[in-house]
Amino acid sequence: MAITASMVGELRAKTDAPMMECKKALTEADGDMVKAEEILRVKLGTKAGKAASRVTAEGVVASFIDGSTGALIEVNCETDFVTKNDSFLALANAAAKLAAENNPADVAALGALPYEQETYGPTLEEVRKGLIGKIGENMSFRRFQRWSAGSKLVSYLHGTRIGVMVEFDGDAVAAKDVAMHIAAMKPVALSSADVPADLIAKERSVAEQKAAESGKPADIVAKMVEGSVQKYLKEVSLLNQVFVKAADGKQTVEQYLKSAGTTVKGFTLYVVGEGIEKKVDDFAAEVAAQVAAAKGA
């Protein structure tokens, strides 16, 4: 498979790895972007994953809480300019409230709920379509999470791009502190036992490849792999992470919550645009196409 400059550029943007290393990895992976990224991680260690969390899609995260019922929602748009538009923000906040109060099954059911804004309606979806026409930019409801298990809820929004909802019992101040911690440290699960199997498998695969290159005996390699996986599980599970406000720099979130007589039962973290591939226009190709079209006219 031919490795194009745009493929190399995309892998470089994801990993911060040198251009030639990206090209080599893509060649070795026969153009498979995911495999190439894994090859770079094995070769270059954690440096390769440095920019993997960069996202380019725009939008906002909004939250709504009423007692023990709440919702967190991500609403996307095309440009950062629209995220500051009052009509768009009103739509996002209304969607969070509707999701919490009506328990829709999915985004389509959410859109079908009764809602009017400005001159648009009678459903949330019709308001969305009306605002697309008014603002001149596409927007969509991407995902939402509703909570209603009877426990306390607290939310934290870091600007409009990162949103966290925490379900807890105990002290609200402690829970808010943990919500801020989640926004900063981005754990993938509450505890090590909750980390998704596919993420563990991917981490184990990288650890095995790196350990195999050490040339050490099989029993040592096995211990190295297990050590890497256990380290990863601690790094990505909330309760095992070192609390960002820890005075001693060692206290874990679990220890902090215990000292505050508080239990976190679950959380949702949304980062705007996470996992969305945003189309990058090739300006040179666009100009060339226009020139060719003009010549043919």
Protein backbone atom coordinates (compact mmCIF):
# COMPACT_ATOMS: atom_id res chain seq x y z
CA MET A 1 0.00 0.00 0.00
CA ALA A 2 1.32 3.45 -0.94
CA ILE A 3 2.11 5.60 2.10
CA THR A 4 0.96 9.16 1.42
CA ALA A 5 2.19 12.39 3.00
CA SER A 6 -1.24 12.96 4.54
CA MET A 7 -1.07 9.53 6.27
CA VAL A 8 2.37 10.39 7.67
CA GLY A 9 1.06 13.78 8.78
CA GLU A 10 -1.94 12.23 10.52
CA LEU A 11 0.23 9.73 12.43
CA ARG A 12 2.68 12.50 13.39
CA ALA A 13 -0.19 14.64 14.73
CA LYS A 14 -1.41 11.71 16.83
CA THR A 15 1.98 10.70 18.23
CA ASP A 16 4.48 13.62 18.01
CA ALA A 17 6.95 11.06 16.61
CA PRO A 18 9.59 12.15 14.04
CA MET A 19 8.40 12.22 10.41
CA MET A 20 10.72 9.44 9.22
CA GLU A 21 9.77 7.19 12.14
CA CYS A 22 6.10 7.70 11.22
CA LYS A 23 6.80 6.74 7.61
CA LYS A 24 8.74 3.62 8.65
CA ALA A 25 5.97 2.56 11.05
CA LEU A 26 3.27 3.02 8.39
CA THR A 27 5.32 1.04 5.87
CA GLU A 28 5.82 -1.77 8.39
CA ALA A 29 2.08 -1.72 9.22
CA ASP A 30 1.12 -1.65 5.53
CA GLY A 31 -0.80 1.58 6.02
CA ASP A 32 -2.78 0.43 9.07
CA MET A 33 -2.93 3.57 11.27
CA VAL A 34 -3.76 1.77 14.54
CA LYS A 35 -0.99 -0.81 14.04
CA ALA A 36 1.51 1.93 13.10
CA GLU A 37 0.67 3.83 16.28
CA GLU A 38 1.30 0.68 18.31
CA ILE A 39 4.65 0.09 16.55
CA LEU A 40 5.72 3.64 17.45
CA ARG A 41 4.72 3.15 21.10
CA VAL A 42 6.87 0.02 21.26
CA LYS A 43 9.78 1.80 19.60
CA LEU A 44 9.57 5.21 21.26
CA GLY A 45 7.81 4.48 24.55
CA THR A 46 5.33 6.93 26.05
CA LYS A 47 6.54 9.82 23.85
CA ALA A 48 4.52 8.34 21.02
CA GLY A 49 1.25 8.66 22.90
CA LYS A 50 1.86 12.27 23.94
CA ALA A 51 -0.46 13.91 21.44
CA ALA A 52 -2.91 11.05 21.04
CA SER A 53 -5.53 12.91 23.09
CA ARG A 54 -5.54 15.95 20.81
CA VAL A 55 -8.95 16.46 19.29
CA THR A 56 -10.14 18.88 16.66
CA ALA A 57 -13.94 18.63 16.62
CA GLU A 58 -15.68 21.55 18.34
CA GLY A 59 -18.65 21.74 20.69
CA VAL A 60 -19.61 21.95 24.35
CA VAL A 61 -20.41 19.71 27.30
CA ALA A 62 -23.48 20.71 29.34
CA SER A 63 -24.90 19.30 32.57
CA PHE A 64 -28.15 19.37 34.53
CA ILE A 65 -28.89 18.10 38.05
CA ASP A 66 -32.16 18.01 39.97
CA GLY A 67 -31.79 16.12 43.22
CA SER A 68 -30.58 12.60 42.45
CA THR A 69 -31.39 12.89 38.74
CA GLY A 70 -28.94 14.39 36.29
CA ALA A 71 -27.46 14.26 32.81
CA LEU A 72 -24.25 15.13 31.02
CA ILE A 73 -24.34 15.76 27.26
CA GLU A 74 -21.93 16.58 24.45
CA VAL A 75 -23.25 18.77 21.63
CA ASN A 76 -20.97 19.26 18.63
CA CYS A 77 -20.56 22.02 16.06
CA GLU A 78 -18.05 22.85 13.34
CA THR A 79 -16.13 25.85 14.71
CA ASP A 80 -15.05 27.26 18.05
CA PHE A 81 -16.88 30.49 17.16
CA VAL A 82 -20.29 28.79 17.48
CA THR A 83 -19.48 27.38 20.95
CA LYS A 84 -19.83 30.96 22.24
CA ASN A 85 -23.18 31.56 20.49
CA ASP A 86 -26.01 32.12 23.01
CA SER A 87 -28.57 30.19 20.92
CA PHE A 88 -26.25 27.18 20.64
CA LEU A 89 -25.49 27.23 24.38
CA ALA A 90 -29.22 27.47 25.19
CA LEU A 91 -29.82 24.42 22.97
CA ALA A 92 -27.08 22.42 24.76
CA ASN A 93 -28.37 23.31 28.24
CA ALA A 94 -31.96 22.50 27.24
CA ALA A 95 -30.85 19.12 25.84
CA ALA A 96 -29.14 18.24 29.16
CA LYS A 97 -32.32 19.14 31.10
CA LEU A 98 -34.55 17.17 28.72
CA ALA A 99 -32.28 14.11 28.91
CA ALA A 100 -32.37 14.18 32.72
CA GLU A 101 -36.12 14.71 33.03
CA ASN A 102 -37.36 12.37 30.28
CA ASN A 103 -34.90 9.45 30.22
CA PRO A 104 -34.78 9.11 26.39
CA ALA A 105 -33.39 5.80 25.09
CA ASP A 106 -30.93 7.41 22.67
CA VAL A 107 -30.04 10.59 20.78
CA ALA A 108 -32.93 10.10 18.32
CA ALA A 109 -35.44 9.81 21.18
CA LEU A 110 -33.91 12.90 22.78
CA GLY A 111 -34.44 14.87 19.56
CA ALA A 112 -38.11 13.85 19.45
CA LEU A 113 -38.88 15.45 22.85
CA PRO A 114 -41.09 18.59 22.93
CA TYR A 115 -39.05 21.81 23.01
CA GLU A 116 -39.32 25.31 21.57
CA GLN A 117 -36.65 27.98 21.30
CA GLU A 118 -36.90 31.34 19.57
CA THR A 119 -39.25 30.65 16.62
CA TYR A 120 -38.33 26.98 16.28
CA GLY A 121 -40.04 23.79 17.44
CA PRO A 122 -42.08 21.84 18.41
CA THR A 123 -39.28 19.31 19.13
CA LEU A 124 -35.61 19.55 20.13
CA GLU A 125 -34.66 18.15 16.70
CA GLU A 126 -36.67 20.86 14.91
CA VAL A 127 -34.95 23.53 17.03
CA ARG A 128 -31.57 22.02 16.07
CA LYS A 129 -32.49 22.18 12.37
CA GLY A 130 -33.76 25.76 12.74
CA LEU A 131 -30.55 26.90 14.41
CA ILE A 132 -28.48 25.24 11.67
CA GLY A 133 -30.30 27.46 9.19
CA LYS A 134 -29.95 30.55 11.37
CA ILE A 135 -26.29 30.13 12.35
CA GLY A 136 -25.19 28.51 9.09
CA GLU A 137 -23.25 25.68 10.69
CA ASN A 138 -24.00 22.03 11.33
CA MET A 139 -24.50 20.90 14.93
CA SER A 140 -25.41 17.56 16.49
CA PHE A 141 -26.20 15.82 19.76
CA ARG A 142 -23.36 13.31 20.06
CA ARG A 143 -23.85 11.45 23.36
CA PHE A 144 -25.37 11.78 26.82
CA GLN A 145 -25.34 9.92 30.13
CA ARG A 146 -28.27 10.04 32.57
CA TRP A 147 -28.03 9.30 36.30
CA SER A 148 -31.02 8.46 38.52
CA ALA A 149 -29.99 5.76 41.00
CA GLY A 150 -30.97 7.73 44.10
CA SER A 151 -27.47 8.79 45.19
CA LYS A 152 -26.17 12.35 45.29
CA LEU A 153 -24.80 13.93 42.12
CA VAL A 154 -22.25 16.65 41.46
CA SER A 155 -20.94 17.98 38.15
CA TYR A 156 -17.86 19.94 37.15
CA LEU A 157 -17.36 21.73 33.85
CA HIS A 158 -13.86 22.84 32.93
CA GLY A 159 -14.76 25.65 30.56
CA THR A 160 -17.18 24.09 28.10
CA ARG A 161 -14.86 21.44 26.62
CA ILE A 162 -14.54 19.01 29.55
CA GLY A 163 -17.46 17.84 31.68
CA VAL A 164 -17.69 15.42 34.60
CA MET A 165 -20.65 13.94 36.50
CA VAL A 166 -19.98 12.09 39.76
CA GLU A 167 -22.43 9.86 41.66
CA PHE A 168 -21.55 9.73 45.36
CA ASP A 169 -22.59 9.33 48.99
CA GLY A 170 -21.08 11.61 51.62
CA ASP A 171 -19.51 15.05 51.43
CA ALA A 172 -20.34 17.25 48.43
CA VAL A 173 -17.09 19.26 48.67
CA ALA A 174 -15.00 16.07 48.52
CA ALA A 175 -17.05 14.82 45.58
CA LYS A 176 -16.56 18.14 43.73
CA ASP A 177 -12.80 17.91 44.37
CA VAL A 178 -12.79 14.42 42.85
CA ALA A 179 -14.81 15.66 39.86
CA MET A 180 -12.10 18.30 39.27
CA HIS A 181 -9.45 15.58 39.63
CA ILE A 182 -11.23 13.46 36.98
CA ALA A 183 -11.27 16.42 34.57
CA ALA A 184 -7.52 16.88 35.05
CA MET A 185 -6.31 13.26 35.16
CA LYS A 186 -8.90 11.62 32.87
CA PRO A 187 -9.20 8.12 34.41
CA VAL A 188 -10.90 5.51 32.21
CA ALA A 189 -12.57 3.60 35.07
CA LEU A 190 -13.47 3.80 38.76
CA SER A 191 -11.19 0.93 39.84
CA SER A 192 -8.64 -1.43 38.26
CA ALA A 193 -11.32 -4.12 38.02
CA ASP A 194 -13.47 -1.81 35.88
CA VAL A 195 -10.87 -1.03 33.20
CA PRO A 196 -12.21 -2.31 29.84
CA ALA A 197 -10.66 -5.61 28.69
CA ASP A 198 -9.77 -4.26 25.23
CA LEU A 199 -7.64 -1.46 26.76
CA ILE A 200 -5.82 -3.96 28.99
CA ALA A 201 -5.22 -6.29 26.02
CA LYS A 202 -3.76 -3.43 23.98
CA GLU A 203 -1.47 -2.38 26.84
CA ARG A 204 -0.37 -5.99 27.38
CA SER A 205 0.43 -6.36 23.67
CA VAL A 206 2.66 -3.27 23.72
CA ALA A 207 4.34 -4.42 26.97
CA GLU A 208 5.01 -7.90 25.51
CA GLN A 209 6.63 -6.48 22.40
CA LYS A 210 8.81 -4.09 24.40
CA ALA A 211 9.81 -6.79 26.90
CA ALA A 212 10.62 -9.26 24.10
CA GLU A 213 13.16 -6.80 22.70
CA SER A 214 15.05 -6.83 26.01
CA GLY A 215 16.45 -10.29 25.24
CA LYS A 216 15.93 -11.41 28.84
CA PRO A 217 14.77 -14.92 29.90
CA ALA A 218 11.08 -15.81 29.47
CA ASP A 219 10.29 -15.75 33.21
CA ILE A 220 11.80 -12.25 33.56
CA VAL A 221 9.93 -11.09 30.46
CA ALA A 222 6.65 -12.37 31.93
CA LYS A 223 7.29 -10.42 35.15
CA MET A 224 8.14 -7.27 33.16
CA VAL A 225 4.90 -7.56 31.21
CA GLU A 226 2.80 -8.10 34.32
CA GLY A 227 4.53 -5.19 36.04
CA SER A 228 3.76 -2.89 33.08
CA VAL A 229 0.10 -3.92 33.01
CA GLN A 230 -0.32 -3.40 36.78
CA LYS A 231 1.33 0.04 36.52
CA TYR A 232 -1.06 0.94 33.69
CA LEU A 233 -4.12 -0.18 35.69
CA LYS A 234 -3.10 2.06 38.61
CA GLU A 235 -2.51 5.02 36.31
CA VAL A 236 -5.93 4.86 34.61
CA SER A 237 -8.25 3.86 37.49
CA LEU A 238 -9.64 6.75 39.55
CA LEU A 239 -9.31 5.25 43.03
CA ASN A 240 -5.65 4.31 42.47
CA GLN A 241 -4.57 7.66 41.04
CA VAL A 242 -2.62 10.09 43.23
CA PHE A 243 -5.09 12.83 44.19
CA VAL A 244 -4.21 16.11 42.43
CA LYS A 245 -4.61 18.09 45.65
CA ALA A 246 -2.64 15.61 47.79
CA ALA A 247 -0.48 17.68 50.18
CA ASP A 248 2.11 14.90 50.42
CA GLY A 249 2.03 14.09 46.70
CA LYS A 250 1.24 10.46 47.56
CA GLN A 251 -2.33 10.28 48.87
CA THR A 252 -4.57 8.36 46.45
CA VAL A 253 -8.12 9.37 45.55
CA GLU A 254 -9.34 6.33 47.49
CA GLN A 255 -7.47 7.46 50.62
CA TYR A 256 -8.75 11.03 50.25
CA LEU A 257 -12.37 9.87 49.92
CA LYS A 258 -12.01 7.62 52.97
CA SER A 259 -10.67 10.53 55.04
CA ALA A 260 -13.68 12.60 53.92
CA GLY A 261 -16.20 9.81 54.68
CA THR A 262 -17.27 9.80 51.04
CA THR A 263 -17.89 7.05 48.48
CA VAL A 264 -17.81 7.57 44.72
CA LYS A 265 -20.12 5.08 43.00
CA GLY A 266 -19.46 6.08 39.41
CA PHE A 267 -18.60 8.90 37.06
CA THR A 268 -18.90 10.09 33.46
CA LEU A 269 -16.17 12.11 31.76
CA TYR A 270 -16.76 13.80 28.40
CA VAL A 271 -14.03 15.61 26.47
CA VAL A 272 -15.39 17.49 23.45
CA GLY A 273 -14.51 15.81 20.17
CA GLU A 274 -12.75 12.85 21.79
CA GLY A 275 -12.38 10.13 19.16
CA ILE A 276 -13.85 12.22 16.35
CA GLU A 277 -11.79 12.49 13.19
CA LYS A 278 -12.29 15.97 11.79
CA LYS A 279 -11.92 16.41 8.03
CA VAL A 280 -8.85 18.45 7.12
CA ASP A 281 -9.18 20.20 3.79
CA ASP A 282 -6.18 19.88 1.46
CA PHE A 283 -5.88 23.51 0.36
CA ALA A 284 -3.26 22.83 -2.37
CA ALA A 285 -5.39 20.07 -3.91
CA GLU A 286 -8.45 22.32 -3.77
CA VAL A 287 -6.62 25.13 -5.63
CA ALA A 288 -5.26 22.66 -8.21
CA ALA A 289 -8.78 21.31 -8.81
CA GLN A 290 -10.15 24.84 -9.30
CA VAL A 291 -7.35 25.70 -11.76
CA ALA A 292 -8.00 22.51 -13.71
CA ALA A 293 -11.72 23.26 -13.79
CA ALA A 294 -11.07 26.80 -15.03
CA LYS A 295 -8.83 25.50 -17.84
CA GLY A 296 -11.51 23.03 -18.88
CA ALA A 297 -14.23 25.70 -18.94
